[in-house]
Amino acid sequence: MANLAARTKTTMQEFLRRATAAKIDRLSSLVTESFRFLLRKQTLVEQIMIDPRTFAITLYGSDGQALAKQRLSEGEEQIFAISVLWGLARPSARSLPAIIDTPMARLDQRHREHLVERYFPNASHQVIILSTDTEVDRRYYCIWRWSRSGASGTGMAATTKRSPDSFGCTCTAASATWPRPAPSAR
């Protein structure tokens, strides 16, 4: 009987190890896909791997060599953090709101555009952005409104101190960039 219990325990441990490795491998793929989708420099990072035992995250360049995280700019680090969170959220069966505090503070213009065009419309069914008045100007508001209405078909609801009309947006295909399709959830 003790032998059967020991074999069962070993089998269950092996099952758990394999299941964890498979889930972490999928998560690595989702984080990589999200990061590359949002990142301005497409050749900077080829793959992101998460160790299934330690959960340490390693970024690999196009040459297959590990990149030091210190090589990333502050904006790229922010995009990386958002990508990890997005990668964790995408396979979830639960629809949870995304709450983002000062999302564009350290980003350059191109990363801001990617965030507004690619992440905000696809982050969740409900996106709450806590921004400063200098982060979301007329241009980004119009792009996000256009992207949001095109991505979800529901338009955008805004709660701000100023009326959305004060931005004077007339969003058309000519004045707003249509986003690429977002990475799939599954």
Foldseek 3Di string as FASTA:
>chain_A
DVVVVVVVVVVVVVVVLVVLVVVQVQLQVQLQQQLCLLDPPNQQFDTWHADSPPRDIWTAGPVRDTDDPVVDDPQSVLSSVVSSVQSVPLQDPDFDEAEEEASPPRPDPSSLLSCLQACQLPSGPHYHYHHDDVSCALLSVLQNQVQNCVSPVPGDDDDDPDDNCVSVDDHDCVRYPHGDDYDHSD
